[in-house]
Amino acid sequence: MKGHAYTYKEEYKGGNVNMEYAKDEFFQVSYHTNLNRLEMKGESWTSKLWRRVKRHKLLTTTIVAFFTFAIVNVVMICSFMRILQSI
């Protein structure tokens, strides 16, 4: 069956379900019927970002803390200015 995209039911009849599941889920490979070849699925930008965040936890925590404190600082300065204007 060269050039035929298998489904799980067809593979189950052939007894090769585990290989198809591994190909689709673990290796992220799919069959492109128009080009008649296997292709790797691309990784989304969100999963790349999440992988980087998990790898660089200290840097991510530092950056998030910096932006949080900067926002709190601006809010407190604005609040102080309003108090000074009301005097």
PDB file of N, CA and C in Angstrom:
ATOM      1  N   MET A   1       0.817  -1.178   0.000  1.00  0.00           N
ATOM      2  CA  MET A   1       0.000   0.000   0.000  1.00  0.00           C
ATOM      3  C   MET A   1       0.863   1.244   0.000  1.00  0.00           C
ATOM      4  N   LYS A   2       1.764   1.358  -0.870  1.00  0.00           N
ATOM      5  CA  LYS A   2       2.644   2.508  -0.925  1.00  0.00           C
ATOM      6  C   LYS A   2       1.849   3.741  -1.358  1.00  0.00           C
ATOM      7  N   GLY A   3       2.081   4.868  -0.647  1.00  0.00           N
ATOM      8  CA  GLY A   3       1.403   6.097  -0.999  1.00  0.00           C
ATOM      9  C   GLY A   3       0.013   6.206  -0.409  1.00  0.00           C
ATOM     10  N   HIS A   4      -0.307   5.363   0.544  1.00  0.00           N
ATOM     11  CA  HIS A   4      -1.626   5.372   1.149  1.00  0.00           C
ATOM     12  C   HIS A   4      -1.507   5.842   2.586  1.00  0.00           C
ATOM     13  N   ALA A   5      -2.317   6.817   2.961  1.00  0.00           N
ATOM     14  CA  ALA A   5      -2.297   7.311   4.334  1.00  0.00           C
ATOM     15  C   ALA A   5      -3.111   6.362   5.197  1.00  0.00           C
ATOM     16  N   TYR A   6      -2.460   5.756   6.183  1.00  0.00           N
ATOM     17  CA  TYR A   6      -3.125   4.781   7.034  1.00  0.00           C
ATOM     18  C   TYR A   6      -3.966   5.471   8.100  1.00  0.00           C
ATOM     19  N   THR A   7      -5.056   4.851   8.437  1.00  0.00           N
ATOM     20  CA  THR A   7      -5.830   5.281   9.592  1.00  0.00           C
ATOM     21  C   THR A   7      -5.584   4.272  10.698  1.00  0.00           C
ATOM     22  N   TYR A   8      -6.053   4.588  11.890  1.00  0.00           N
ATOM     23  CA  TYR A   8      -5.840   3.675  13.011  1.00  0.00           C
ATOM     24  C   TYR A   8      -6.580   2.364  12.806  1.00  0.00           C
ATOM     25  N   LYS A   9      -7.773   2.406  12.200  1.00  0.00           N
ATOM     26  CA  LYS A   9      -8.517   1.173  11.978  1.00  0.00           C
ATOM     27  C   LYS A   9      -7.784   0.275  10.989  1.00  0.00           C
ATOM     28  N   GLU A  10      -7.241   0.862   9.929  1.00  0.00           N
ATOM     29  CA  GLU A  10      -6.511   0.063   8.953  1.00  0.00           C
ATOM     30  C   GLU A  10      -5.254  -0.538   9.570  1.00  0.00           C
ATOM     31  N   GLU A  11      -4.575   0.249  10.405  1.00  0.00           N
ATOM     32  CA  GLU A  11      -3.378  -0.275  11.040  1.00  0.00           C
ATOM     33  C   GLU A  11      -3.719  -1.348  12.068  1.00  0.00           C
ATOM     34  N   TYR A  12      -4.871  -1.213  12.722  1.00  0.00           N
ATOM     35  CA  TYR A  12      -5.277  -2.217  13.694  1.00  0.00           C
ATOM     36  C   TYR A  12      -5.497  -3.556  13.015  1.00  0.00           C
ATOM     37  N   LYS A  13      -6.036  -3.513  11.810  1.00  0.00           N
ATOM     38  CA  LYS A  13      -6.222  -4.762  11.055  1.00  0.00           C
ATOM     39  C   LYS A  13      -4.875  -5.399  10.748  1.00  0.00           C
ATOM     40  N   GLY A  14      -3.874  -4.552  10.494  1.00  0.00           N
ATOM     41  CA  GLY A  14      -2.548  -5.059  10.194  1.00  0.00           C
ATOM     42  C   GLY A  14      -1.754  -5.387  11.441  1.00  0.00           C
ATOM     43  N   GLY A  15      -2.195  -4.934  12.589  1.00  0.00           N
ATOM     44  CA  GLY A  15      -1.513  -5.243  13.840  1.00  0.00           C
ATOM     45  C   GLY A  15      -0.370  -4.320  14.176  1.00  0.00           C
ATOM     46  N   ASN A  16      -0.319  -3.117  13.582  1.00  0.00           N
ATOM     47  CA  ASN A  16       0.803  -2.215  13.801  1.00  0.00           C
ATOM     48  C   ASN A  16       0.327  -0.910  14.443  1.00  0.00           C
ATOM     49  N   VAL A  17      -0.550  -0.990  15.408  1.00  0.00           N
ATOM     50  CA  VAL A  17      -1.125   0.191  16.031  1.00  0.00           C
ATOM     51  C   VAL A  17      -0.078   0.968  16.815  1.00  0.00           C
ATOM     52  N   ASN A  18       0.761   0.290  17.553  1.00  0.00           N
ATOM     53  CA  ASN A  18       1.734   0.964  18.405  1.00  0.00           C
ATOM     54  C   ASN A  18       2.712   1.819  17.610  1.00  0.00           C
ATOM     55  N   MET A  19       3.141   1.341  16.463  1.00  0.00           N
ATOM     56  CA  MET A  19       4.078   2.117  15.652  1.00  0.00           C
ATOM     57  C   MET A  19       3.410   3.366  15.106  1.00  0.00           C
ATOM     58  N   GLU A  20       2.165   3.272  14.678  1.00  0.00           N
ATOM     59  CA  GLU A  20       1.460   4.446  14.175  1.00  0.00           C
ATOM     60  C   GLU A  20       1.249   5.469  15.284  1.00  0.00           C
ATOM     61  N   TYR A  21       0.907   5.004  16.470  1.00  0.00           N
ATOM     62  CA  TYR A  21       0.720   5.913  17.598  1.00  0.00           C
ATOM     63  C   TYR A  21       2.043   6.599  17.938  1.00  0.00           C
ATOM     64  N   ALA A  22       3.125   5.854  17.963  1.00  0.00           N
ATOM     65  CA  ALA A  22       4.434   6.429  18.264  1.00  0.00           C
ATOM     66  C   ALA A  22       4.835   7.433  17.196  1.00  0.00           C
ATOM     67  N   LYS A  23       4.559   7.115  15.946  1.00  0.00           N
ATOM     68  CA  LYS A  23       4.908   8.021  14.847  1.00  0.00           C
ATOM     69  C   LYS A  23       4.146   9.327  14.962  1.00  0.00           C
ATOM     70  N   ASP A  24       2.861   9.250  15.278  1.00  0.00           N
ATOM     71  CA  ASP A  24       2.026  10.447  15.331  1.00  0.00           C
ATOM     72  C   ASP A  24       2.244  11.263  16.592  1.00  0.00           C
ATOM     73  N   GLU A  25       2.361  10.622  17.739  1.00  0.00           N
ATOM     74  CA  GLU A  25       2.388  11.335  19.007  1.00  0.00           C
ATOM     75  C   GLU A  25       3.799  11.673  19.489  1.00  0.00           C
ATOM     76  N   PHE A  26       4.699  10.727  19.491  1.00  0.00           N
ATOM     77  CA  PHE A  26       6.014  10.952  20.076  1.00  0.00           C
ATOM     78  C   PHE A  26       6.983  11.602  19.105  1.00  0.00           C
ATOM     79  N   PHE A  27       7.022  11.129  17.878  1.00  0.00           N
ATOM     80  CA  PHE A  27       7.986  11.646  16.919  1.00  0.00           C
ATOM     81  C   PHE A  27       7.462  12.843  16.149  1.00  0.00           C
ATOM     82  N   GLN A  28       6.156  13.151  16.281  1.00  0.00           N
ATOM     83  CA  GLN A  28       5.532  14.288  15.609  1.00  0.00           C
ATOM     84  C   GLN A  28       5.764  14.259  14.095  1.00  0.00           C
ATOM     85  N   VAL A  29       5.529  13.108  13.515  1.00  0.00           N
ATOM     86  CA  VAL A  29       5.682  12.919  12.073  1.00  0.00           C
ATOM     87  C   VAL A  29       4.317  12.591  11.495  1.00  0.00           C
ATOM     88  N   SER A  30       3.998  13.192  10.355  1.00  0.00           N
ATOM     89  CA  SER A  30       2.725  12.895   9.710  1.00  0.00           C
ATOM     90  C   SER A  30       2.969  12.655   8.223  1.00  0.00           C
ATOM     91  N   TYR A  31       2.036  11.941   7.606  1.00  0.00           N
ATOM     92  CA  TYR A  31       2.151  11.621   6.188  1.00  0.00           C
ATOM     93  C   TYR A  31       1.439  12.685   5.380  1.00  0.00           C
ATOM     94  N   HIS A  32       2.142  13.293   4.432  1.00  0.00           N
ATOM     95  CA  HIS A  32       1.576  14.308   3.553  1.00  0.00           C
ATOM     96  C   HIS A  32       1.174  13.619   2.251  1.00  0.00           C
ATOM     97  N   THR A  33      -0.141  13.492   2.034  1.00  0.00           N
ATOM     98  CA  THR A  33      -0.625  12.695   0.905  1.00  0.00           C
ATOM     99  C   THR A  33      -0.322  13.340  -0.440  1.00  0.00           C
ATOM    100  N   ASN A  34      -0.343  14.668  -0.525  1.00  0.00           N
ATOM    101  CA  ASN A  34      -0.085  15.327  -1.813  1.00  0.00           C
ATOM    102  C   ASN A  34       1.372  15.173  -2.246  1.00  0.00           C
ATOM    103  N   LEU A  35       2.287  15.255  -1.307  1.00  0.00           N
ATOM    104  CA  LEU A  35       3.710  15.148  -1.633  1.00  0.00           C
ATOM    105  C   LEU A  35       4.226  13.720  -1.550  1.00  0.00           C
ATOM    106  N   ASN A  36       3.404  12.809  -0.998  1.00  0.00           N
ATOM    107  CA  ASN A  36       3.753  11.397  -0.891  1.00  0.00           C
ATOM    108  C   ASN A  36       5.028  11.185  -0.059  1.00  0.00           C
ATOM    109  N   ARG A  37       5.075  11.842   1.103  1.00  0.00           N
ATOM    110  CA  ARG A  37       6.228  11.676   1.990  1.00  0.00           C
ATOM    111  C   ARG A  37       5.835  12.009   3.420  1.00  0.00           C
ATOM    112  N   LEU A  38       6.700  11.616   4.346  1.00  0.00           N
ATOM    113  CA  LEU A  38       6.511  11.930   5.754  1.00  0.00           C
ATOM    114  C   LEU A  38       7.095  13.305   6.043  1.00  0.00           C
ATOM    115  N   GLU A  39       6.421  14.065   6.888  1.00  0.00           N
ATOM    116  CA  GLU A  39       6.921  15.385   7.252  1.00  0.00           C
ATOM    117  C   GLU A  39       6.863  15.551   8.762  1.00  0.00           C
ATOM    118  N   MET A  40       7.813  16.307   9.307  1.00  0.00           N
ATOM    119  CA  MET A  40       7.832  16.602  10.729  1.00  0.00           C
ATOM    120  C   MET A  40       6.905  17.780  10.983  1.00  0.00           C
ATOM    121  N   LYS A  41       6.168  17.705  12.087  1.00  0.00           N
ATOM    122  CA  LYS A  41       5.287  18.805  12.463  1.00  0.00           C
ATOM    123  C   LYS A  41       6.127  19.894  13.105  1.00  0.00           C
ATOM    124  N   GLY A  42       5.820  21.156  12.775  1.00  0.00           N
ATOM    125  CA  GLY A  42       6.549  22.281  13.348  1.00  0.00           C
ATOM    126  C   GLY A  42       6.100  22.558  14.764  1.00  0.00           C
ATOM    127  N   GLU A  43       7.021  23.083  15.560  1.00  0.00           N
ATOM    128  CA  GLU A  43       6.719  23.398  16.947  1.00  0.00           C
ATOM    129  C   GLU A  43       6.131  24.806  17.018  1.00  0.00           C
ATOM    130  N   SER A  44       5.065  24.982  17.774  1.00  0.00           N
ATOM    131  CA  SER A  44       4.416  26.284  17.861  1.00  0.00           C
ATOM    132  C   SER A  44       5.252  27.237  18.706  1.00  0.00           C
ATOM    133  N   TRP A  45       5.004  28.545  18.543  1.00  0.00           N
ATOM    134  CA  TRP A  45       5.793  29.536  19.260  1.00  0.00           C
ATOM    135  C   TRP A  45       5.503  29.490  20.751  1.00  0.00           C
ATOM    136  N   THR A  46       4.287  29.104  21.117  1.00  0.00           N
ATOM    137  CA  THR A  46       3.965  29.035  22.541  1.00  0.00           C
ATOM    138  C   THR A  46       4.715  27.900  23.231  1.00  0.00           C
ATOM    139  N   SER A  47       4.845  26.773  22.555  1.00  0.00           N
ATOM    140  CA  SER A  47       5.578  25.672  23.173  1.00  0.00           C
ATOM    141  C   SER A  47       7.077  25.976  23.237  1.00  0.00           C
ATOM    142  N   LYS A  48       7.603  26.710  22.255  1.00  0.00           N
ATOM    143  CA  LYS A  48       9.008  27.130  22.325  1.00  0.00           C
ATOM    144  C   LYS A  48       9.228  28.083  23.494  1.00  0.00           C
ATOM    145  N   LEU A  49       8.292  29.028  23.663  1.00  0.00           N
ATOM    146  CA  LEU A  49       8.397  29.974  24.762  1.00  0.00           C
ATOM    147  C   LEU A  49       8.292  29.269  26.106  1.00  0.00           C
ATOM    148  N   TRP A  50       7.340  28.356  26.228  1.00  0.00           N
ATOM    149  CA  TRP A  50       7.153  27.626  27.486  1.00  0.00           C
ATOM    150  C   TRP A  50       8.390  26.786  27.821  1.00  0.00           C
ATOM    151  N   ARG A  51       9.015  26.192  26.788  1.00  0.00           N
ATOM    152  CA  ARG A  51      10.228  25.398  27.011  1.00  0.00           C
ATOM    153  C   ARG A  51      11.365  26.287  27.526  1.00  0.00           C
ATOM    154  N   ARG A  52      11.485  27.506  26.975  1.00  0.00           N
ATOM    155  CA  ARG A  52      12.518  28.431  27.437  1.00  0.00           C
ATOM    156  C   ARG A  52      12.272  28.889  28.862  1.00  0.00           C
ATOM    157  N   VAL A  53      11.000  29.159  29.185  1.00  0.00           N
ATOM    158  CA  VAL A  53      10.671  29.594  30.543  1.00  0.00           C
ATOM    159  C   VAL A  53      11.012  28.499  31.540  1.00  0.00           C
ATOM    160  N   LYS A  54      10.707  27.255  31.191  1.00  0.00           N
ATOM    161  CA  LYS A  54      11.016  26.150  32.090  1.00  0.00           C
ATOM    162  C   LYS A  54      12.520  25.955  32.249  1.00  0.00           C
ATOM    163  N   ARG A  55      13.280  26.219  31.212  1.00  0.00           N
ATOM    164  CA  ARG A  55      14.722  26.022  31.270  1.00  0.00           C
ATOM    165  C   ARG A  55      15.417  27.135  32.061  1.00  0.00           C
ATOM    166  N   HIS A  56      14.930  28.387  31.921  1.00  0.00           N
ATOM    167  CA  HIS A  56      15.575  29.539  32.556  1.00  0.00           C
ATOM    168  C   HIS A  56      14.655  30.122  33.630  1.00  0.00           C
ATOM    169  N   LYS A  57      14.449  29.385  34.695  1.00  0.00           N
ATOM    170  CA  LYS A  57      13.507  29.792  35.743  1.00  0.00           C
ATOM    171  C   LYS A  57      13.969  31.033  36.501  1.00  0.00           C
ATOM    172  N   LEU A  58      15.232  31.113  36.840  1.00  0.00           N
ATOM    173  CA  LEU A  58      15.738  32.252  37.601  1.00  0.00           C
ATOM    174  C   LEU A  58      15.636  33.542  36.785  1.00  0.00           C
ATOM    175  N   LEU A  59      16.038  33.501  35.546  1.00  0.00           N
ATOM    176  CA  LEU A  59      15.968  34.681  34.684  1.00  0.00           C
ATOM    177  C   LEU A  59      14.518  35.108  34.470  1.00  0.00           C
ATOM    178  N   THR A  60      13.630  34.162  34.247  1.00  0.00           N
ATOM    179  CA  THR A  60      12.215  34.473  34.052  1.00  0.00           C
ATOM    180  C   THR A  60      11.627  35.102  35.309  1.00  0.00           C
ATOM    181  N   THR A  61      11.942  34.551  36.462  1.00  0.00           N
ATOM    182  CA  THR A  61      11.446  35.101  37.724  1.00  0.00           C
ATOM    183  C   THR A  61      11.959  36.519  37.939  1.00  0.00           C
ATOM    184  N   THR A  62      13.226  36.754  37.613  1.00  0.00           N
ATOM    185  CA  THR A  62      13.811  38.084  37.773  1.00  0.00           C
ATOM    186  C   THR A  62      13.132  39.096  36.857  1.00  0.00           C
ATOM    187  N   ILE A  63      12.889  38.734  35.627  1.00  0.00           N
ATOM    188  CA  ILE A  63      12.250  39.645  34.669  1.00  0.00           C
ATOM    189  C   ILE A  63      10.809  39.947  35.085  1.00  0.00           C
ATOM    190  N   VAL A  64      10.072  38.922  35.493  1.00  0.00           N
ATOM    191  CA  VAL A  64       8.688  39.131  35.926  1.00  0.00           C
ATOM    192  C   VAL A  64       8.651  40.015  37.174  1.00  0.00           C
ATOM    193  N   ALA A  65       9.557  39.790  38.128  1.00  0.00           N
ATOM    194  CA  ALA A  65       9.603  40.605  39.339  1.00  0.00           C
ATOM    195  C   ALA A  65       9.948  42.056  39.009  1.00  0.00           C
ATOM    196  N   PHE A  66      10.890  42.261  38.085  1.00  0.00           N
ATOM    197  CA  PHE A  66      11.263  43.617  37.684  1.00  0.00           C
ATOM    198  C   PHE A  66      10.071  44.371  37.116  1.00  0.00           C
ATOM    199  N   PHE A  67       9.342  43.759  36.188  1.00  0.00           N
ATOM    200  CA  PHE A  67       8.184  44.433  35.590  1.00  0.00           C
ATOM    201  C   PHE A  67       7.074  44.658  36.617  1.00  0.00           C
ATOM    202  N   THR A  68       6.880  43.718  37.513  1.00  0.00           N
ATOM    203  CA  THR A  68       5.863  43.882  38.554  1.00  0.00           C
ATOM    204  C   THR A  68       6.202  45.058  39.461  1.00  0.00           C
ATOM    205  N   PHE A  69       7.444  45.120  39.912  1.00  0.00           N
ATOM    206  CA  PHE A  69       7.854  46.219  40.780  1.00  0.00           C
ATOM    207  C   PHE A  69       7.851  47.558  40.047  1.00  0.00           C
ATOM    208  N   ALA A  70       8.182  47.563  38.765  1.00  0.00           N
ATOM    209  CA  ALA A  70       8.142  48.805  37.991  1.00  0.00           C
ATOM    210  C   ALA A  70       6.717  49.337  37.884  1.00  0.00           C
ATOM    211  N   ILE A  71       5.765  48.454  37.647  1.00  0.00           N
ATOM    212  CA  ILE A  71       4.364  48.865  37.549  1.00  0.00           C
ATOM    213  C   ILE A  71       3.859  49.373  38.895  1.00  0.00           C
ATOM    214  N   VAL A  72       4.191  48.664  39.970  1.00  0.00           N
ATOM    215  CA  VAL A  72       3.788  49.109  41.308  1.00  0.00           C
ATOM    216  C   VAL A  72       4.411  50.459  41.617  1.00  0.00           C
ATOM    217  N   ASN A  73       5.644  50.672  41.226  1.00  0.00           N
ATOM    218  CA  ASN A  73       6.327  51.940  41.454  1.00  0.00           C
ATOM    219  C   ASN A  73       5.612  53.086  40.738  1.00  0.00           C
ATOM    220  N   VAL A  74       5.253  52.896  39.491  1.00  0.00           N
ATOM    221  CA  VAL A  74       4.550  53.932  38.727  1.00  0.00           C
ATOM    222  C   VAL A  74       3.197  54.241  39.372  1.00  0.00           C
ATOM    223  N   VAL A  75       2.479  53.227  39.790  1.00  0.00           N
ATOM    224  CA  VAL A  75       1.185  53.436  40.438  1.00  0.00           C
ATOM    225  C   VAL A  75       1.356  54.216  41.736  1.00  0.00           C
ATOM    226  N   MET A  76       2.347  53.894  42.519  1.00  0.00           N
ATOM    227  CA  MET A  76       2.573  54.605  43.787  1.00  0.00           C
ATOM    228  C   MET A  76       2.995  56.059  43.546  1.00  0.00           C
ATOM    229  N   ILE A  77       3.802  56.315  42.537  1.00  0.00           N
ATOM    230  CA  ILE A  77       4.208  57.689  42.215  1.00  0.00           C
ATOM    231  C   ILE A  77       3.001  58.505  41.775  1.00  0.00           C
ATOM    232  N   CYS A  78       2.141  57.924  40.938  1.00  0.00           N
ATOM    233  CA  CYS A  78       0.929  58.627  40.498  1.00  0.00           C
ATOM    234  C   CYS A  78       0.017  58.922  41.683  1.00  0.00           C
ATOM    235  N   SER A  79      -0.106  57.984  42.569  1.00  0.00           N
ATOM    236  CA  SER A  79      -0.932  58.168  43.761  1.00  0.00           C
ATOM    237  C   SER A  79      -0.352  59.272  44.652  1.00  0.00           C
ATOM    238  N   PHE A  80       0.956  59.301  44.814  1.00  0.00           N
ATOM    239  CA  PHE A  80       1.606  60.334  45.616  1.00  0.00           C
ATOM    240  C   PHE A  80       1.414  61.710  44.993  1.00  0.00           C
ATOM    241  N   MET A  81       1.493  61.797  43.682  1.00  0.00           N
ATOM    242  CA  MET A  81       1.283  63.069  42.991  1.00  0.00           C
ATOM    243  C   MET A  81      -0.140  63.579  43.200  1.00  0.00           C
ATOM    244  N   ARG A  82      -1.111  62.679  43.166  1.00  0.00           N
ATOM    245  CA  ARG A  82      -2.513  63.093  43.413  1.00  0.00           C
ATOM    246  C   ARG A  82      -2.676  63.611  44.849  1.00  0.00           C
ATOM    247  N   ILE A  83      -2.008  62.976  45.804  1.00  0.00           N
ATOM    248  CA  ILE A  83      -2.091  63.426  47.185  1.00  0.00           C
ATOM    249  C   ILE A  83      -1.475  64.821  47.316  1.00  0.00           C
ATOM    250  N   LEU A  84      -0.315  65.045  46.640  1.00  0.00           N
ATOM    251  CA  LEU A  84       0.325  66.361  46.709  1.00  0.00           C
ATOM    252  C   LEU A  84      -0.530  67.437  46.047  1.00  0.00           C
ATOM    253  N   GLN A  85      -1.242  67.080  44.965  1.00  0.00           N
ATOM    254  CA  GLN A  85      -2.070  68.070  44.276  1.00  0.00           C
ATOM    255  C   GLN A  85      -3.286  68.450  45.119  1.00  0.00           C
ATOM    256  N   SER A  86      -3.765  67.538  45.942  1.00  0.00           N
ATOM    257  CA  SER A  86      -4.957  67.824  46.735  1.00  0.00           C
ATOM    258  C   SER A  86      -4.641  68.712  47.940  1.00  0.00           C
ATOM    259  N   ILE A  87      -3.379  68.859  48.291  1.00  0.00           N
ATOM    260  CA  ILE A  87      -3.009  69.681  49.451  1.00  0.00           C
ATOM    261  C   ILE A  87      -3.070  71.133  49.096  1.00  0.00           C
TER     262      ILE A  87
END
